[in-house]
């Protein structure tokens, strides 16, 4: 650990804290108004229908996190984590600058692409450096990730508050411009403090730390890649992949991403030279990945279907922008993160701390509870009466408690269980779970058109059943898989 500490943690943690805070300001702020801008027909928006807008929203948020996988690979093999963060931040800022000016759809999508590429470079690598600050691991690393998570949600809260207001009350492009300013501030923090407080952390690609000159590609790897190519060709020729509408493109991309993830994990298990303990841990990470996909598919509705519900079917106290409902999540995070962190420490001392997979299951159960509240709210909205703001208020409360049980724990678990030479790549995979969840969230929102409102309660209820089923399976699996954790909690 670095000798320069603050509150018992390396000062480098706070460099990463503030860099990530401003990056999350830009991302969540822009995301809060993105779907509204895509659907807006009267105030300078794109005027798309719900299906198109939801698909574009899903594809964008999917790409942001999916690109974490090549972003992690580039850091491990070419750039190093520090340069990946720097170049990623520049790309994000340039993307938001492009979005800040009214232009054609092609230019607008170019801006979204730059933000996605930049986030793919920055997001997995900044989390990886947090773990490098704590080579001894243990409870102090978990505490560091909790502090880091507070930075993420402080940025999210400020971004939604400021960008949401500017976008909905002043002008869409003023909101996008504010996101560019935030990323610029993050780059300033990083540029002038990283060298001093991070020292040599993340400077060199991981590949340089190990001799790979004599390594040859395992024949199993070639076989898996061949199977992936054959699968995609068969799907294309059978007409399963559709590239006409934006929703069809989003669905096809989701199928391809699922196939790539499965092949990646199979390659790690059978063709990467890992020992038995490492292989078992990869299986645990695989299970956590799919639990996270489902969780994020429900949780990330806050920017899609829940945003549409807030805008069209919910009371707006004091005439506030509907996007401000999304701020309940980071607000609750800031309030309850220290409480749950303290609870885990207390339970640990009493030897009652729930196992990692149990916390994952609890997160899914809490998500289900939040959506059951939305089922009731949707039923009220169908009567023609605006649903009380309390429905979304309590939904976000249970969703946030679920997030606190699942997300920091999963992030920390990936840094603990991942083989060191694959750390950044597997951090990228963790964010691919969010990518798929965001994509499914966007596609789900496409069903919220004005002609389909009668199905709102059933749509929300379908999420309840999925979360209960998958959460139950993970809860049951935790006991037989306990020994595979290798003593890691």
Protein backbone atom coordinates (compact mmCIF):
# COMPACT_ATOMS: atom_id res chain seq x y z
CA UNK A 1 0.00 0.00 0.00
CA UNK A 2 1.15 3.55 -0.70
CA UNK A 3 2.65 5.42 2.24
CA UNK A 4 0.50 8.46 1.42
CA UNK A 5 -2.81 7.75 3.11
CA UNK A 6 -6.04 9.59 3.85
CA UNK A 7 -8.59 8.16 6.29
CA UNK A 8 -6.50 4.99 6.34
CA UNK A 9 -6.57 4.55 2.54
CA UNK A 10 -3.98 5.37 -0.13
CA UNK A 11 -4.49 8.87 -1.53
CA UNK A 12 -4.52 7.25 -4.94
CA UNK A 13 -7.98 5.91 -4.09
CA UNK A 14 -9.30 9.46 -3.95
CA UNK A 15 -7.67 10.35 -7.28
CA UNK A 16 -9.69 7.51 -8.80
CA UNK A 17 -12.73 8.51 -6.69
CA UNK A 18 -12.92 12.01 -8.18
CA UNK A 19 -11.99 10.96 -11.71
CA UNK A 20 -14.76 8.36 -11.68
CA UNK A 21 -17.17 10.80 -10.01
CA UNK A 22 -16.92 13.30 -12.88
CA UNK A 23 -17.08 10.56 -15.50
CA UNK A 24 -20.26 9.18 -13.90
CA UNK A 25 -21.69 12.74 -13.75
CA UNK A 26 -21.30 12.92 -17.51
CA UNK A 27 -22.63 9.41 -18.19
CA UNK A 28 -25.66 9.30 -15.88
CA UNK A 29 -26.54 12.93 -16.53
CA UNK A 30 -26.66 12.39 -20.27
CA UNK A 31 -28.39 9.03 -19.90
CA UNK A 32 -31.14 10.62 -17.79
CA UNK A 33 -32.33 12.70 -20.75
CA UNK A 34 -31.28 10.50 -23.68
CA UNK A 35 -34.52 8.54 -24.14
CA UNK A 36 -36.63 11.65 -23.55
CA UNK A 37 -34.62 13.46 -26.25
CA UNK A 38 -35.04 10.56 -28.66
CA UNK A 39 -38.84 10.49 -28.13
CA UNK A 40 -39.46 14.26 -27.99
CA UNK A 41 -41.51 15.53 -30.94
CA UNK A 42 -42.09 19.15 -29.94
CA UNK A 43 -38.97 20.67 -28.33
CA UNK A 44 -36.10 19.86 -30.65
CA UNK A 45 -35.81 16.14 -29.99
CA UNK A 46 -35.60 13.38 -32.59
CA UNK A 47 -39.30 12.50 -32.50
CA UNK A 48 -38.83 8.72 -32.66
CA UNK A 49 -41.45 6.19 -31.56
CA UNK A 50 -41.01 4.14 -28.39
CA UNK A 51 -39.73 1.05 -30.20
CA UNK A 52 -37.03 2.94 -32.08
CA UNK A 53 -36.09 5.14 -29.14
CA UNK A 54 -35.92 2.22 -26.71
CA UNK A 55 -33.78 0.21 -29.14
CA UNK A 56 -31.33 3.09 -29.67
CA UNK A 57 -31.17 3.71 -25.91
CA UNK A 58 -30.56 0.00 -25.34
CA UNK A 59 -27.91 -0.25 -28.07
CA UNK A 60 -26.07 2.78 -26.71
CA UNK A 61 -26.01 1.67 -23.07
CA UNK A 62 -25.20 -1.87 -24.27
CA UNK A 63 -22.24 -0.58 -26.29
CA UNK A 64 -20.94 1.55 -23.43
CA UNK A 65 -20.45 -1.50 -21.24
CA UNK A 66 -19.75 -4.10 -23.96
CA UNK A 67 -16.72 -2.09 -25.08
CA UNK A 68 -15.28 -2.61 -21.60
CA UNK A 69 -14.15 -6.03 -22.82
CA UNK A 70 -11.86 -4.78 -25.62
CA UNK A 71 -10.99 -1.83 -23.36
CA UNK A 72 -9.70 -4.25 -20.73
CA UNK A 73 -7.81 -6.26 -23.35
CA UNK A 74 -6.11 -3.14 -24.76
CA UNK A 75 -5.03 -2.12 -21.26
CA UNK A 76 -3.69 -5.58 -20.45
CA UNK A 77 -1.82 -6.01 -23.74
CA UNK A 78 -1.07 -2.61 -25.31
CA UNK A 79 -1.74 0.61 -23.41
CA UNK A 80 -1.61 -0.13 -19.71
CA UNK A 81 -4.49 0.89 -17.48
CA UNK A 82 -3.36 4.47 -16.85
CA UNK A 83 -3.17 5.41 -20.56
CA UNK A 84 -6.45 3.62 -21.25
CA UNK A 85 -8.16 5.79 -18.62
CA UNK A 86 -6.65 8.99 -20.05
CA UNK A 87 -7.51 8.30 -23.68
CA UNK A 88 -10.93 7.03 -22.67
CA UNK A 89 -11.70 10.24 -20.80
CA UNK A 90 -10.69 12.34 -23.81
CA UNK A 91 -12.97 10.30 -26.10
CA UNK A 92 -15.89 10.71 -23.67
CA UNK A 93 -15.40 14.48 -23.49
CA UNK A 94 -15.22 14.78 -27.29
CA UNK A 95 -18.36 12.69 -27.64
CA UNK A 96 -20.33 14.93 -25.30
CA UNK A 97 -19.04 18.02 -27.13
CA UNK A 98 -20.43 16.57 -30.38
CA UNK A 99 -23.79 15.95 -28.66
CA UNK A 100 -23.86 19.53 -27.35
CA UNK A 101 -24.54 20.97 -30.81
CA UNK A 102 -27.70 20.40 -32.87
CA UNK A 103 -26.80 18.30 -35.90
CA UNK A 104 -27.92 15.43 -38.09
CA UNK A 105 -28.72 11.99 -36.73
CA UNK A 106 -25.44 10.68 -38.16
CA UNK A 107 -23.42 13.27 -36.23
CA UNK A 108 -25.46 12.62 -33.07
CA UNK A 109 -24.80 8.89 -33.28
CA UNK A 110 -21.10 9.63 -33.84
CA UNK A 111 -21.11 11.47 -30.51
CA UNK A 112 -22.78 8.51 -28.80
CA UNK A 113 -20.16 6.23 -30.34
CA UNK A 114 -17.29 8.32 -28.99
CA UNK A 115 -18.79 8.24 -25.49
CA UNK A 116 -19.23 4.46 -25.72
CA UNK A 117 -15.65 3.88 -26.89
CA UNK A 118 -14.23 6.15 -24.21
CA UNK A 119 -16.25 4.53 -21.44
CA UNK A 120 -15.10 1.10 -22.62
CA UNK A 121 -11.51 2.22 -22.15
CA UNK A 122 -11.99 4.02 -18.84
CA UNK A 123 -14.55 2.03 -16.85
CA UNK A 124 -12.93 -1.42 -16.34
CA UNK A 125 -9.41 -0.07 -15.92
CA UNK A 126 -10.13 2.48 -13.24
CA UNK A 127 -11.75 -0.30 -11.16
CA UNK A 128 -8.74 -2.53 -11.75
CA UNK A 129 -6.34 0.11 -10.38
CA UNK A 130 -8.49 0.39 -7.24
CA UNK A 131 -7.80 -3.30 -6.63
CA UNK A 132 -4.06 -2.81 -7.30
CA UNK A 133 -3.88 -0.31 -4.45
CA UNK A 134 -4.78 -3.15 -2.07
CA UNK A 135 -2.61 -6.17 -2.95
CA UNK A 136 -3.30 -7.64 0.48
CA UNK A 137 -7.05 -7.79 -0.29
CA UNK A 138 -9.33 -8.48 2.65
CA UNK A 139 -11.89 -6.25 4.30
CA UNK A 140 -9.95 -3.06 3.56
CA UNK A 141 -10.30 -3.68 -0.19
CA UNK A 142 -14.07 -4.15 0.27
CA UNK A 143 -14.15 -0.87 2.21
CA UNK A 144 -12.21 0.83 -0.60
CA UNK A 145 -14.75 -0.32 -3.17
CA UNK A 146 -17.54 1.01 -0.95
CA UNK A 147 -15.82 4.42 -0.89
CA UNK A 148 -15.28 4.22 -4.65
CA UNK A 149 -18.98 3.38 -5.06
CA UNK A 150 -19.89 6.53 -3.14
CA UNK A 151 -17.90 8.51 -5.72
CA UNK A 152 -19.81 6.85 -8.54
CA UNK A 153 -23.15 7.74 -7.01
CA UNK A 154 -22.17 11.28 -6.02
CA UNK A 155 -21.38 11.89 -9.67
CA UNK A 156 -24.61 10.21 -10.72
CA UNK A 157 -26.69 12.34 -8.34
CA UNK A 158 -25.12 15.62 -9.46
CA UNK A 159 -25.30 14.64 -13.12
CA UNK A 160 -28.99 13.74 -13.09
CA UNK A 161 -29.78 16.87 -11.05
CA UNK A 162 -27.93 19.33 -13.30
CA UNK A 163 -28.08 17.69 -16.73
CA UNK A 164 -31.70 16.61 -16.16
CA UNK A 165 -32.76 20.17 -15.30
CA UNK A 166 -30.83 21.80 -18.15
CA UNK A 167 -32.03 19.22 -20.68
CA UNK A 168 -35.73 19.27 -19.80
CA UNK A 169 -36.15 22.89 -18.67
CA UNK A 170 -33.60 24.84 -20.77
CA UNK A 171 -32.66 22.79 -23.83
CA UNK A 172 -31.53 19.27 -24.62
CA UNK A 173 -28.13 20.30 -25.95
CA UNK A 174 -27.35 22.42 -22.88
CA UNK A 175 -27.68 19.21 -20.87
CA UNK A 176 -25.34 17.34 -23.21
CA UNK A 177 -22.87 20.24 -22.97
CA UNK A 178 -22.87 20.07 -19.16
CA UNK A 179 -21.84 16.42 -19.43
CA UNK A 180 -18.82 17.47 -21.53
CA UNK A 181 -17.77 19.99 -18.88
CA UNK A 182 -17.97 17.33 -16.18
CA UNK A 183 -15.68 14.95 -18.07
CA UNK A 184 -13.23 17.81 -18.63
CA UNK A 185 -13.08 18.33 -14.85
CA UNK A 186 -12.44 14.61 -14.40
CA UNK A 187 -9.54 14.78 -16.85
CA UNK A 188 -8.04 17.72 -14.97
CA UNK A 189 -8.17 15.81 -11.68
CA UNK A 190 -6.56 12.78 -13.26
CA UNK A 191 -3.88 14.68 -15.20
CA UNK A 192 -2.54 16.63 -12.23
CA UNK A 193 -2.79 14.05 -9.41
CA UNK A 194 -2.39 10.55 -10.87
CA UNK A 195 1.39 10.58 -11.24
CA UNK A 196 1.91 11.76 -7.67
CA UNK A 197 -0.50 9.47 -5.85
CA UNK A 198 -0.81 6.40 -8.10
CA UNK A 199 2.96 6.20 -8.72
CA UNK A 200 3.59 3.21 -11.00
CA UNK A 201 0.19 1.54 -10.57
CA UNK A 202 -1.30 0.58 -13.94
CA UNK A 203 1.51 2.05 -16.01
CA UNK A 204 2.58 -1.10 -17.87
CA UNK A 205 0.40 -3.60 -19.75
CA UNK A 206 -0.06 -6.81 -17.76
CA UNK A 207 1.27 -8.79 -20.72
CA UNK A 208 4.73 -7.27 -20.18
CA UNK A 209 4.82 -8.61 -16.63
CA UNK A 210 4.72 -12.22 -17.83
CA UNK A 211 6.62 -13.92 -20.60
CA UNK A 212 4.14 -14.91 -23.29
CA UNK A 213 6.67 -15.25 -26.07
CA UNK A 214 6.63 -19.04 -25.87
CA UNK A 215 2.86 -19.37 -25.47
CA UNK A 216 0.90 -20.84 -28.35
CA UNK A 217 -2.80 -20.57 -28.93
CA UNK A 218 -4.53 -23.65 -27.55
CA UNK A 219 -6.29 -25.76 -30.24
CA UNK A 220 -9.42 -25.61 -28.06
CA UNK A 221 -9.42 -21.82 -28.50
CA UNK A 222 -9.42 -22.20 -32.28
CA UNK A 223 -12.22 -24.75 -32.01
CA UNK A 224 -14.33 -22.43 -29.86
CA UNK A 225 -13.76 -19.51 -32.22
CA UNK A 226 -14.72 -21.73 -35.15
CA UNK A 227 -17.91 -22.81 -33.38
CA UNK A 228 -18.76 -19.17 -32.72
CA UNK A 229 -18.30 -18.25 -36.38
CA UNK A 230 -20.40 -21.23 -37.52
CA UNK A 231 -23.14 -20.30 -35.04
CA UNK A 232 -23.34 -16.73 -36.32
CA UNK A 233 -23.33 -17.84 -39.96
CA UNK A 234 -26.12 -20.36 -39.34
CA UNK A 235 -28.17 -17.76 -37.48
CA UNK A 236 -27.67 -15.29 -40.33
CA UNK A 237 -28.58 -17.72 -43.10
CA UNK A 238 -31.63 -18.96 -41.17
CA UNK A 239 -32.89 -15.41 -40.92
CA UNK A 240 -32.61 -15.35 -37.12
CA UNK A 241 -30.47 -12.21 -37.27
CA UNK A 242 -32.48 -9.23 -38.47
CA UNK A 243 -30.90 -5.90 -39.45
CA UNK A 244 -33.89 -3.93 -40.70
CA UNK A 245 -35.38 -2.12 -37.71
CA UNK A 246 -33.43 -0.73 -34.77
CA UNK A 247 -35.21 -3.11 -32.38
CA UNK A 248 -34.24 -6.10 -34.56
CA UNK A 249 -30.62 -4.92 -34.64
CA UNK A 250 -30.61 -4.62 -30.85
CA UNK A 251 -32.02 -8.12 -30.44
CA UNK A 252 -29.47 -9.60 -32.86
CA UNK A 253 -26.62 -7.84 -31.08
CA UNK A 254 -27.82 -9.26 -27.77
CA UNK A 255 -27.76 -12.83 -29.13
CA UNK A 256 -24.25 -12.32 -30.53
CA UNK A 257 -23.01 -10.87 -27.22
CA UNK A 258 -24.42 -13.81 -25.25
CA UNK A 259 -22.65 -16.24 -27.60
CA UNK A 260 -19.35 -14.36 -27.29
CA UNK A 261 -19.52 -14.35 -23.48
CA UNK A 262 -20.20 -18.09 -23.34
CA UNK A 263 -17.26 -18.80 -25.68
CA UNK A 264 -15.01 -16.48 -23.63
CA UNK A 265 -15.77 -18.28 -20.36
CA UNK A 266 -15.38 -21.71 -21.97
CA UNK A 267 -11.99 -20.62 -23.33
CA UNK A 268 -10.88 -19.44 -19.88
CA UNK A 269 -11.93 -22.70 -18.27
CA UNK A 270 -10.58 -25.17 -20.84
CA UNK A 271 -7.84 -23.41 -22.85
CA UNK A 272 -6.10 -20.80 -20.71
CA UNK A 273 -3.76 -22.95 -18.65
CA UNK A 274 -5.53 -22.25 -15.36
CA UNK A 275 -5.21 -24.61 -12.44
CA UNK A 276 -8.18 -26.41 -10.88
CA UNK A 277 -8.81 -23.76 -8.22
CA UNK A 278 -8.77 -20.96 -10.79
CA UNK A 279 -11.16 -22.88 -13.04
CA UNK A 280 -13.62 -23.35 -10.21
CA UNK A 281 -13.45 -19.63 -9.45
CA UNK A 282 -14.15 -18.86 -13.11
CA UNK A 283 -17.31 -20.99 -12.82
CA UNK A 284 -18.36 -18.85 -9.84
CA UNK A 285 -17.73 -15.69 -11.89
CA UNK A 286 -19.83 -17.18 -14.71
CA UNK A 287 -22.78 -17.68 -12.33
CA UNK A 288 -22.37 -14.18 -10.91
CA UNK A 289 -22.29 -12.82 -14.46
CA UNK A 290 -25.73 -14.17 -15.38
CA UNK A 291 -27.22 -13.12 -12.05
CA UNK A 292 -25.89 -9.63 -12.72
CA UNK A 293 -27.33 -9.61 -16.26
CA UNK A 294 -30.82 -10.23 -14.95
CA UNK A 295 -30.40 -7.73 -12.13
CA UNK A 296 -29.24 -4.95 -14.44
CA UNK A 297 -31.97 -5.78 -16.98
CA UNK A 298 -34.48 -4.88 -14.28
CA UNK A 299 -32.51 -2.21 -12.46
CA UNK A 300 -31.59 -0.21 -15.57
CA UNK A 301 -35.26 0.28 -16.44
CA UNK A 302 -34.85 3.52 -14.49
CA UNK A 303 -33.58 5.20 -17.64
CA UNK A 304 -36.11 3.50 -19.93
CA UNK A 305 -39.51 2.07 -18.89
CA UNK A 306 -39.49 3.67 -15.42
CA UNK A 307 -38.51 6.99 -17.01
CA UNK A 308 -41.46 6.72 -19.43
CA UNK A 309 -43.74 5.84 -16.48
CA UNK A 310 -42.45 8.84 -14.54
CA UNK A 311 -42.94 11.18 -17.50
CA UNK A 312 -46.41 10.03 -18.56
CA UNK A 313 -48.16 8.27 -15.69
CA UNK A 314 -46.73 9.64 -12.43
CA UNK A 315 -47.35 12.78 -10.41
CA UNK A 316 -44.52 15.32 -10.63
CA UNK A 317 -44.33 17.16 -7.28
CA UNK A 318 -43.60 20.90 -7.56
CA UNK A 319 -43.35 20.61 -11.34
CA UNK A 320 -39.95 18.89 -11.11
CA UNK A 321 -38.38 17.37 -14.25
CA UNK A 322 -39.43 13.74 -14.59
CA UNK A 323 -35.77 12.74 -14.99
CA UNK A 324 -35.19 13.73 -11.35
CA UNK A 325 -36.93 10.55 -10.23
CA UNK A 326 -33.74 8.78 -11.31
CA UNK A 327 -31.93 10.70 -8.59
CA UNK A 328 -33.59 8.63 -5.88
CA UNK A 329 -31.11 5.86 -6.66
CA UNK A 330 -27.84 7.76 -6.06
CA UNK A 331 -29.43 9.58 -3.12
CA UNK A 332 -30.36 6.31 -1.47
CA UNK A 333 -26.89 4.95 -2.25
CA UNK A 334 -25.25 7.82 -0.41
CA UNK A 335 -27.59 7.32 2.56
CA UNK A 336 -27.59 3.54 2.82
CA UNK A 337 -24.14 2.48 1.51
CA UNK A 338 -22.45 3.28 4.86
CA UNK A 339 -25.34 1.58 6.72
CA UNK A 340 -25.08 -1.68 4.76
CA UNK A 341 -21.29 -1.53 4.84
CA UNK A 342 -21.44 -1.26 8.62
CA UNK A 343 -24.02 -4.06 8.75
CA UNK A 344 -21.73 -6.45 6.84
CA UNK A 345 -18.84 -5.65 9.21
CA UNK A 346 -21.09 -6.17 12.26
CA UNK A 347 -22.37 -9.49 10.91
CA UNK A 348 -18.81 -10.54 10.07
CA UNK A 349 -17.78 -10.04 13.69
CA UNK A 350 -20.74 -12.16 14.77
CA UNK A 351 -19.81 -14.74 12.10
CA UNK A 352 -23.22 -14.15 10.49
CA UNK A 353 -22.15 -12.33 7.33
CA UNK A 354 -24.13 -13.82 4.39
CA UNK A 355 -22.05 -15.63 1.73
CA UNK A 356 -21.41 -13.83 -1.53
CA UNK A 357 -24.00 -15.78 -3.54
CA UNK A 358 -26.63 -15.22 -0.84
CA UNK A 359 -26.09 -11.46 -1.10
CA UNK A 360 -26.57 -11.79 -4.86
CA UNK A 361 -29.86 -13.63 -4.32
CA UNK A 362 -31.04 -11.02 -1.80
CA UNK A 363 -30.31 -8.32 -4.39
CA UNK A 364 -32.58 -10.06 -6.91
CA UNK A 365 -35.34 -10.57 -4.31
CA UNK A 366 -35.28 -6.85 -3.45
CA UNK A 367 -35.47 -5.96 -7.15
CA UNK A 368 -38.54 -8.19 -7.43
CA UNK A 369 -40.16 -6.43 -4.48
CA UNK A 370 -39.57 -3.04 -6.10
CA UNK A 371 -41.22 -4.20 -9.32
CA UNK A 372 -44.21 -5.60 -7.46
CA UNK A 373 -44.79 -2.06 -6.18
CA UNK A 374 -44.70 -0.90 -9.81
CA UNK A 375 -47.33 -3.51 -10.72
CA UNK A 376 -49.71 -1.81 -8.27
CA UNK A 377 -48.72 1.65 -9.54
CA UNK A 378 -49.31 0.61 -13.15
CA UNK A 379 -52.75 -0.74 -12.28
CA UNK A 380 -53.66 2.65 -10.78
CA UNK A 381 -52.30 4.49 -13.83
CA UNK A 382 -54.56 2.43 -16.09
CA UNK A 383 -57.61 3.96 -14.39
CA UNK A 384 -56.63 7.32 -15.86
CA UNK A 385 -55.31 8.72 -12.57
CA UNK A 386 -51.68 9.76 -12.23
CA UNK A 387 -49.88 7.36 -9.89
CA UNK A 388 -48.52 8.84 -6.69
CA UNK A 389 -44.84 9.72 -6.69
CA UNK A 390 -44.53 7.37 -3.70
CA UNK A 391 -44.65 4.33 -5.99
CA UNK A 392 -41.44 5.26 -7.77
CA UNK A 393 -39.97 6.53 -4.50
CA UNK A 394 -40.32 3.12 -2.82
CA UNK A 395 -39.48 1.18 -5.95
CA UNK A 396 -36.15 2.99 -6.17
CA UNK A 397 -35.60 2.38 -2.44
CA UNK A 398 -35.82 -1.42 -2.79
CA UNK A 399 -33.91 -1.38 -6.08
CA UNK A 400 -31.10 0.56 -4.42
CA UNK A 401 -30.94 -1.78 -1.45
CA UNK A 402 -30.75 -4.63 -3.95
CA UNK A 403 -27.96 -2.86 -5.81
CA UNK A 404 -26.00 -2.44 -2.58
CA UNK A 405 -26.30 -6.17 -1.91
CA UNK A 406 -25.18 -7.11 -5.41
CA UNK A 407 -23.06 -4.53 -7.21
CA UNK A 408 -20.20 -3.63 -4.81
CA UNK A 409 -20.04 -7.28 -3.73
CA UNK A 410 -19.84 -8.45 -7.36
CA UNK A 411 -17.25 -5.84 -8.27
CA UNK A 412 -15.07 -6.84 -5.34
CA UNK A 413 -15.62 -10.56 -6.04
CA UNK A 414 -14.37 -10.20 -9.60
CA UNK A 415 -11.15 -8.56 -8.39
CA UNK A 416 -10.69 -11.32 -5.78
CA UNK A 417 -11.53 -14.37 -7.90
CA UNK A 418 -10.08 -13.34 -11.27
CA UNK A 419 -6.63 -14.75 -12.20
CA UNK A 420 -4.24 -11.78 -12.13
CA UNK A 421 -3.23 -11.95 -15.79
CA UNK A 422 -6.90 -11.75 -16.81
CA UNK A 423 -7.97 -9.12 -14.27
CA UNK A 424 -8.77 -6.22 -16.62
CA UNK A 425 -10.43 -8.55 -19.12
CA UNK A 426 -12.67 -10.05 -16.46
CA UNK A 427 -13.46 -6.60 -15.11
CA UNK A 428 -14.56 -5.89 -18.67
CA UNK A 429 -16.73 -9.03 -18.59
CA UNK A 430 -18.34 -7.79 -15.36
CA UNK A 431 -19.38 -4.65 -17.21
CA UNK A 432 -20.60 -6.71 -20.18
CA UNK A 433 -23.23 -8.03 -17.74
CA UNK A 434 -24.37 -4.43 -17.35
CA UNK A 435 -24.22 -4.08 -21.15
CA UNK A 436 -26.63 -6.93 -21.72
CA UNK A 437 -28.86 -5.73 -18.89
CA UNK A 438 -29.03 -2.26 -20.41
CA UNK A 439 -29.80 -3.68 -23.85
CA UNK A 440 -32.67 -5.77 -22.50
CA UNK A 441 -33.90 -2.74 -20.53
CA UNK A 442 -34.05 -0.67 -23.72
CA UNK A 443 -35.88 -3.39 -25.65
CA UNK A 444 -38.32 -3.81 -22.76
CA UNK A 445 -39.10 -0.08 -22.86
CA UNK A 446 -40.10 -0.42 -26.51
CA UNK A 447 -43.32 -2.05 -25.29
CA UNK A 448 -44.37 1.12 -23.47
CA UNK A 449 -46.14 2.77 -26.39
CA UNK A 450 -49.47 4.52 -26.00
CA UNK A 451 -51.32 1.62 -27.66
CA UNK A 452 -49.87 -0.94 -25.24
CA UNK A 453 -50.48 0.63 -21.84
CA UNK A 454 -52.89 -2.13 -20.75
CA UNK A 455 -49.97 -4.52 -20.60
CA UNK A 456 -47.90 -2.45 -18.16
CA UNK A 457 -48.83 -4.44 -15.02
CA UNK A 458 -48.11 -7.77 -16.75
CA UNK A 459 -44.78 -6.47 -18.11
CA UNK A 460 -43.65 -5.39 -14.65
CA UNK A 461 -44.91 -8.67 -13.15
CA UNK A 462 -42.82 -10.68 -15.61
CA UNK A 463 -39.70 -9.09 -14.11
CA UNK A 464 -40.89 -10.03 -10.63
CA UNK A 465 -41.18 -13.71 -11.56
CA UNK A 466 -37.81 -13.81 -13.34
CA UNK A 467 -36.01 -12.24 -10.38
CA UNK A 468 -37.62 -14.59 -7.88
CA UNK A 469 -36.77 -17.65 -10.00
CA UNK A 470 -33.13 -16.76 -10.71
CA UNK A 471 -32.55 -15.46 -7.19
CA UNK A 472 -33.91 -18.75 -5.82
CA UNK A 473 -31.57 -20.80 -8.01
CA UNK A 474 -28.52 -18.77 -6.93
CA UNK A 475 -29.57 -19.07 -3.28
CA UNK A 476 -29.79 -22.87 -3.60
CA UNK A 477 -26.41 -23.06 -5.39
CA UNK A 478 -24.48 -21.15 -2.75
CA UNK A 479 -24.03 -24.13 -0.43
CA UNK A 480 -22.67 -26.70 -2.94
CA UNK A 481 -20.39 -24.05 -4.47
CA UNK A 482 -19.03 -22.81 -1.13
CA UNK A 483 -15.84 -24.89 -1.35
CA UNK A 484 -15.16 -23.62 -4.89
CA UNK A 485 -14.63 -20.12 -3.50
CA UNK A 486 -11.30 -21.28 -2.07
CA UNK A 487 -11.88 -19.56 1.25
CA UNK A 488 -12.72 -16.20 -0.36
CA UNK A 489 -15.81 -14.50 1.08
